[in-house]
N, C-alpha and C. Protein backbone atom coordinates (compact mmCIF):
# COMPACT_ATOMS: atom_id res chain seq x y z
N MET A 1 144.91 -51.08 11.49
CA MET A 1 145.90 -50.81 12.06
C MET A 1 146.22 -49.44 11.32
N LYS A 2 146.84 -48.29 12.36
CA LYS A 2 147.10 -47.22 12.15
C LYS A 2 148.30 -47.01 11.43
N ARG A 3 148.34 -46.03 10.45
CA ARG A 3 149.79 -45.78 9.58
C ARG A 3 150.49 -44.79 10.52
N HIS A 4 151.84 -44.95 10.56
CA HIS A 4 152.58 -43.75 11.32
C HIS A 4 153.45 -43.29 10.31
N ASN A 5 153.97 -42.01 10.24
CA ASN A 5 155.05 -41.34 9.67
C ASN A 5 156.35 -41.50 10.40
N GLY A 6 157.27 -42.50 9.61
CA GLY A 6 158.89 -42.70 10.32
C GLY A 6 159.68 -41.89 9.59
N THR A 7 160.86 -42.18 9.92
CA THR A 7 162.38 -41.69 9.51
C THR A 7 163.40 -42.62 9.56
N TYR A 8 163.71 -43.00 8.60
CA TYR A 8 165.09 -44.13 8.62
C TYR A 8 166.20 -43.37 8.30
N ALA A 9 167.44 -44.25 8.62
CA ALA A 9 168.72 -43.88 7.91
C ALA A 9 169.67 -45.40 7.87
N ILE A 10 170.42 -45.43 6.75
CA ILE A 10 171.28 -46.26 7.03
C ILE A 10 172.62 -46.21 8.01
N ILE A 11 173.10 -47.30 8.78
CA ILE A 11 174.16 -46.86 9.45
C ILE A 11 175.13 -47.50 8.71
N GLN A 12 176.59 -46.67 8.91
CA GLN A 12 177.53 -47.26 7.79
C GLN A 12 178.89 -46.90 8.61
N TYR A 13 179.82 -47.92 8.37
CA TYR A 13 181.21 -48.00 8.77
C TYR A 13 182.16 -48.15 8.07
N SER A 14 183.30 -47.70 8.65
CA SER A 14 184.78 -47.46 7.66
C SER A 14 185.67 -47.64 8.77
N PRO A 15 186.93 -48.45 8.86
CA PRO A 15 187.69 -48.08 9.62
C PRO A 15 188.50 -47.22 9.47
N VAL A 16 188.80 -46.72 8.30
CA VAL A 16 189.38 -45.52 7.89
C VAL A 16 188.65 -44.83 7.51
N PRO A 17 187.60 -43.83 8.27
CA PRO A 17 186.65 -42.61 7.58
C PRO A 17 187.09 -41.75 6.89
N GLU A 18 188.19 -41.49 6.99
CA GLU A 18 189.04 -40.12 6.12
C GLU A 18 188.80 -40.52 4.69
N ARG A 19 188.79 -41.86 4.58
CA ARG A 19 189.11 -42.54 3.08
C ARG A 19 187.77 -42.29 2.24
N LEU A 20 186.51 -42.20 3.29
CA LEU A 20 185.31 -41.77 2.81
C LEU A 20 184.50 -43.12 2.01
N GLU A 21 185.20 -44.36 2.47
CA GLU A 21 184.75 -45.71 1.76
C GLU A 21 184.05 -46.54 3.25
N PHE A 22 182.48 -46.24 3.14
CA PHE A 22 181.72 -47.11 3.98
C PHE A 22 181.21 -48.18 3.35
N LEU A 23 180.57 -49.17 4.51
CA LEU A 23 179.99 -50.19 4.37
C LEU A 23 178.77 -50.28 4.91
N ASN A 24 177.20 -50.28 4.42
CA ASN A 24 176.17 -50.29 5.47
C ASN A 24 176.07 -51.39 6.02
N ILE A 25 176.12 -51.28 7.34
CA ILE A 25 175.47 -52.59 8.25
C ILE A 25 174.33 -52.58 9.36
N GLY A 26 173.90 -51.60 9.02
CA GLY A 26 172.66 -51.39 9.97
C GLY A 26 171.52 -50.38 9.73
N ILE A 27 170.65 -50.40 10.41
CA ILE A 27 169.54 -49.43 10.00
C ILE A 27 169.01 -48.64 11.35
N LEU A 28 168.54 -47.26 11.16
CA LEU A 28 167.95 -46.88 12.38
C LEU A 28 166.69 -46.10 11.81
N LEU A 29 165.64 -46.81 12.91
CA LEU A 29 164.03 -45.97 12.29
C LEU A 29 163.82 -45.58 13.77
N ILE A 30 162.88 -44.24 13.24
CA ILE A 30 162.51 -43.52 14.21
C ILE A 30 161.26 -43.00 13.69
N VAL A 31 160.27 -43.52 14.94
CA VAL A 31 158.67 -43.24 14.44
C VAL A 31 158.10 -42.10 15.78
N GLU A 32 158.25 -40.98 15.31
CA GLU A 32 157.79 -39.96 16.38
C GLU A 32 156.67 -40.01 17.08
N GLY A 33 155.39 -40.37 16.52
CA GLY A 33 153.97 -40.59 17.00
C GLY A 33 154.26 -41.52 17.72
N LEU A 34 154.97 -42.65 17.73
CA LEU A 34 154.91 -43.65 18.66
C LEU A 34 155.95 -43.55 19.54
N GLY A 35 157.19 -42.69 19.67
CA GLY A 35 157.97 -42.43 20.45
C GLY A 35 159.16 -43.67 20.59
N TYR A 36 159.22 -44.58 19.23
CA TYR A 36 160.00 -45.36 18.85
C TYR A 36 161.23 -45.07 18.31
N VAL A 37 162.45 -45.69 18.85
CA VAL A 37 164.07 -45.58 18.11
C VAL A 37 164.43 -46.68 18.16
N GLY A 38 164.46 -47.29 17.00
CA GLY A 38 165.06 -48.81 16.84
C GLY A 38 166.55 -48.54 16.09
N VAL A 39 167.42 -49.58 16.59
CA VAL A 39 168.77 -49.68 15.65
C VAL A 39 168.54 -51.46 15.53
N ARG A 40 169.14 -51.72 14.30
CA ARG A 40 169.56 -52.81 13.84
C ARG A 40 170.69 -53.35 13.29
N PHE A 41 171.63 -53.99 13.68
CA PHE A 41 172.88 -54.38 12.92
C PHE A 41 172.49 -55.38 12.07
N ALA A 42 173.32 -55.70 10.74
CA ALA A 42 173.64 -56.90 10.27
C ALA A 42 174.52 -58.00 11.21
N LYS A 43 174.11 -59.25 10.83
CA LYS A 43 174.81 -59.92 12.10
C LYS A 43 176.12 -60.64 11.14
N GLY A 44 177.64 -60.65 11.90
CA GLY A 44 178.26 -61.27 11.11
C GLY A 44 178.93 -60.06 10.83
N GLN A 45 180.49 -60.39 10.74
CA GLN A 45 181.34 -59.12 9.74
C GLN A 45 181.81 -59.66 8.60
N SER A 46 181.29 -60.71 7.63
CA SER A 46 182.38 -61.30 6.84
C SER A 46 182.18 -60.06 5.93
N ARG A 47 181.18 -59.11 5.65
CA ARG A 47 181.21 -58.19 4.22
C ARG A 47 182.04 -56.95 4.59
N ILE A 48 182.16 -57.05 6.02
CA ILE A 48 183.43 -55.85 6.29
C ILE A 48 184.67 -56.28 6.13
N GLU A 49 184.82 -57.49 6.74
CA GLU A 49 185.98 -57.96 6.07
C GLU A 49 186.71 -58.66 4.86
N ARG A 50 185.31 -58.72 4.20
CA ARG A 50 186.12 -58.71 2.44
C ARG A 50 186.57 -57.49 1.90
N LEU A 51 185.64 -56.40 2.50
CA LEU A 51 186.02 -55.01 2.01
C LEU A 51 187.22 -54.47 2.65
N PHE A 52 187.26 -54.59 3.58
CA PHE A 52 188.61 -53.53 4.79
C PHE A 52 189.47 -54.69 5.18
N GLY A 53 189.44 -55.99 5.10
CA GLY A 53 190.17 -56.91 5.51
C GLY A 53 189.88 -57.44 6.93
N LYS A 54 190.87 -58.17 7.96
CA LYS A 54 190.52 -58.53 9.06
C LYS A 54 190.01 -57.79 10.00
N GLN A 55 189.19 -57.74 10.87
CA GLN A 55 188.73 -56.95 11.75
C GLN A 55 188.64 -57.43 13.18
N SER A 56 188.53 -56.64 14.18
CA SER A 56 188.63 -57.26 15.60
C SER A 56 187.01 -57.39 15.88
N LYS A 57 186.64 -58.39 16.26
CA LYS A 57 185.30 -58.33 16.38
C LYS A 57 184.99 -58.08 17.69
N LEU A 58 185.78 -57.94 18.78
CA LEU A 58 185.57 -57.15 20.19
C LEU A 58 185.50 -55.94 19.85
N TYR A 59 186.36 -55.33 19.00
CA TYR A 59 186.38 -53.77 18.53
C TYR A 59 184.98 -53.45 17.77
N LEU A 60 184.57 -54.33 16.76
CA LEU A 60 183.50 -53.98 16.17
C LEU A 60 181.98 -53.86 17.02
N ASP A 61 182.01 -54.97 17.80
CA ASP A 61 180.87 -54.81 18.87
C ASP A 61 181.07 -54.01 19.61
N ALA A 62 182.31 -53.37 20.38
CA ALA A 62 182.02 -52.33 21.01
C ALA A 62 181.74 -50.93 20.38
N VAL A 63 182.10 -50.87 19.16
CA VAL A 63 181.71 -49.91 18.33
C VAL A 63 180.11 -49.39 18.28
N LYS A 64 179.56 -50.73 17.48
CA LYS A 64 178.39 -50.65 17.78
C LYS A 64 177.63 -50.46 18.81
N ALA A 65 177.66 -51.54 19.84
CA ALA A 65 177.35 -51.34 21.34
C ALA A 65 177.26 -49.82 21.48
N SER A 66 178.27 -49.24 21.57
CA SER A 66 178.57 -47.69 21.78
C SER A 66 177.62 -46.64 20.82
N PHE A 67 177.71 -47.28 19.74
CA PHE A 67 176.80 -45.85 18.74
C PHE A 67 175.57 -46.08 19.15
N GLU A 68 174.72 -47.56 18.85
CA GLU A 68 173.64 -47.73 19.36
C GLU A 68 173.20 -46.94 20.58
N SER A 69 173.71 -46.91 21.72
CA SER A 69 173.58 -46.42 23.10
C SER A 69 173.68 -44.75 23.05
N ARG A 70 174.46 -44.48 22.16
CA ARG A 70 174.56 -42.75 21.62
C ARG A 70 173.36 -42.34 21.21
N VAL A 71 172.76 -43.45 20.04
CA VAL A 71 171.67 -43.24 19.36
C VAL A 71 170.47 -43.23 20.09
N LEU A 72 170.25 -43.96 20.81
CA LEU A 72 169.22 -44.42 21.64
C LEU A 72 168.79 -43.47 22.72
N GLN A 73 170.16 -42.94 23.44
CA GLN A 73 170.03 -41.87 24.05
C GLN A 73 169.54 -40.61 23.86
N ASP A 74 170.09 -39.94 22.60
CA ASP A 74 170.24 -38.99 22.17
C ASP A 74 168.91 -38.81 21.42
N PHE A 75 168.33 -39.92 20.82
CA PHE A 75 167.22 -39.69 20.20
C PHE A 75 165.89 -39.99 20.85
N SER A 76 165.85 -40.50 22.22
CA SER A 76 165.03 -40.60 23.48
C SER A 76 164.89 -39.10 23.86
N ARG A 77 165.54 -38.24 23.57
CA ARG A 77 165.36 -36.81 24.26
C ARG A 77 164.85 -35.93 23.15
N ASN A 78 165.23 -36.30 21.98
CA ASN A 78 164.84 -35.08 20.87
C ASN A 78 164.69 -35.76 19.50
N MET A 79 163.30 -35.71 18.76
CA MET A 79 162.99 -36.43 17.53
C MET A 79 162.83 -35.32 16.58
N ASP A 80 163.12 -34.30 16.74
CA ASP A 80 162.62 -33.27 15.79
C ASP A 80 163.43 -33.51 14.59
N LYS A 81 162.91 -32.73 13.45
CA LYS A 81 163.44 -32.91 11.89
C LYS A 81 164.79 -32.12 12.34
N GLU A 82 165.53 -31.19 12.79
CA GLU A 82 166.38 -30.42 12.96
C GLU A 82 167.59 -31.21 13.46
N HIS A 83 167.24 -31.79 14.55
CA HIS A 83 167.95 -32.70 15.25
C HIS A 83 168.79 -33.64 14.66
N LEU A 84 167.59 -34.31 13.82
CA LEU A 84 167.67 -35.68 13.27
C LEU A 84 169.20 -35.00 11.67
N ALA A 85 168.68 -33.97 11.18
CA ALA A 85 169.69 -33.59 10.47
C ALA A 85 171.18 -33.22 10.64
N THR A 86 171.29 -32.46 12.11
CA THR A 86 172.33 -32.26 12.53
C THR A 86 173.05 -33.70 13.20
N PHE A 87 172.49 -34.58 13.94
CA PHE A 87 172.93 -36.00 14.09
C PHE A 87 173.36 -36.37 13.00
N SER A 88 172.76 -36.81 11.84
CA SER A 88 173.17 -37.46 10.87
C SER A 88 174.63 -36.80 10.36
N LYS A 89 175.22 -35.67 10.34
CA LYS A 89 176.13 -35.06 9.80
C LYS A 89 177.44 -35.74 10.98
N LYS A 90 177.00 -35.89 11.93
CA LYS A 90 178.27 -36.62 12.74
C LYS A 90 178.88 -38.03 12.54
N ARG A 91 180.00 -38.03 12.88
CA ARG A 91 180.61 -39.32 13.03
C ARG A 91 181.39 -39.60 14.09
N ALA A 92 181.42 -40.73 14.50
CA ALA A 92 182.30 -41.43 15.51
C ALA A 92 182.60 -42.61 15.51
N ASN A 93 183.80 -42.83 15.82
CA ASN A 93 184.33 -44.36 15.78
C ASN A 93 184.23 -44.90 14.47
N GLY A 94 184.28 -44.40 13.84
CA GLY A 94 183.99 -44.86 12.11
C GLY A 94 182.91 -45.23 11.65
N MET A 95 181.63 -44.90 12.25
CA MET A 95 180.37 -44.99 11.98
C MET A 95 179.78 -43.73 11.78
N ARG A 96 178.77 -43.69 10.71
CA ARG A 96 177.90 -42.49 10.59
C ARG A 96 176.57 -43.08 9.66
N LEU A 97 175.78 -41.87 9.84
CA LEU A 97 174.43 -41.86 9.29
C LEU A 97 174.12 -41.53 8.05
N SER A 98 173.57 -42.06 7.04
CA SER A 98 173.13 -41.54 5.64
C SER A 98 172.11 -40.54 6.28
N PRO A 99 171.87 -39.55 5.15
CA PRO A 99 170.69 -38.75 5.25
C PRO A 99 169.39 -39.62 5.76
N PHE A 100 168.89 -38.91 6.51
CA PHE A 100 167.23 -39.34 6.98
C PHE A 100 166.65 -39.61 5.67
N MET A 101 165.74 -40.58 5.53
CA MET A 101 164.43 -40.76 4.51
C MET A 101 163.06 -40.92 4.97
N ALA A 102 162.03 -40.54 4.79
CA ALA A 102 160.76 -40.70 5.13
C ALA A 102 160.66 -42.09 4.81
N VAL A 103 159.39 -42.82 5.64
CA VAL A 103 159.26 -44.11 5.42
C VAL A 103 157.56 -44.12 6.40
N ALA A 104 156.66 -45.02 5.76
CA ALA A 104 155.32 -45.24 6.31
C ALA A 104 155.28 -46.28 7.23
N VAL A 105 155.27 -46.76 8.44
CA VAL A 105 155.27 -47.71 9.34
C VAL A 105 154.10 -48.21 9.98
């Protein structure tokens, strides 16, 4: 089996991003050599509610779906390192990405 170099980032959420308190809720994996972009979120929201209090499941599901759609659409067109760095600095709807890190897959 051939190894490929990939890049990953942790997906983080905060209902009040101005406070800079974020919780890890998912992962984004990009394998440029395979043209692969994948997003996975933690199931449930008990950790989010323990930290931030009661949250609307419908809202969180919509935020996750919107973020995943944006990521998949954006990265399917452009996977270069400069684009990754620029994208990771953006925040939307309380979601953000950690800095990208290298990984072998």
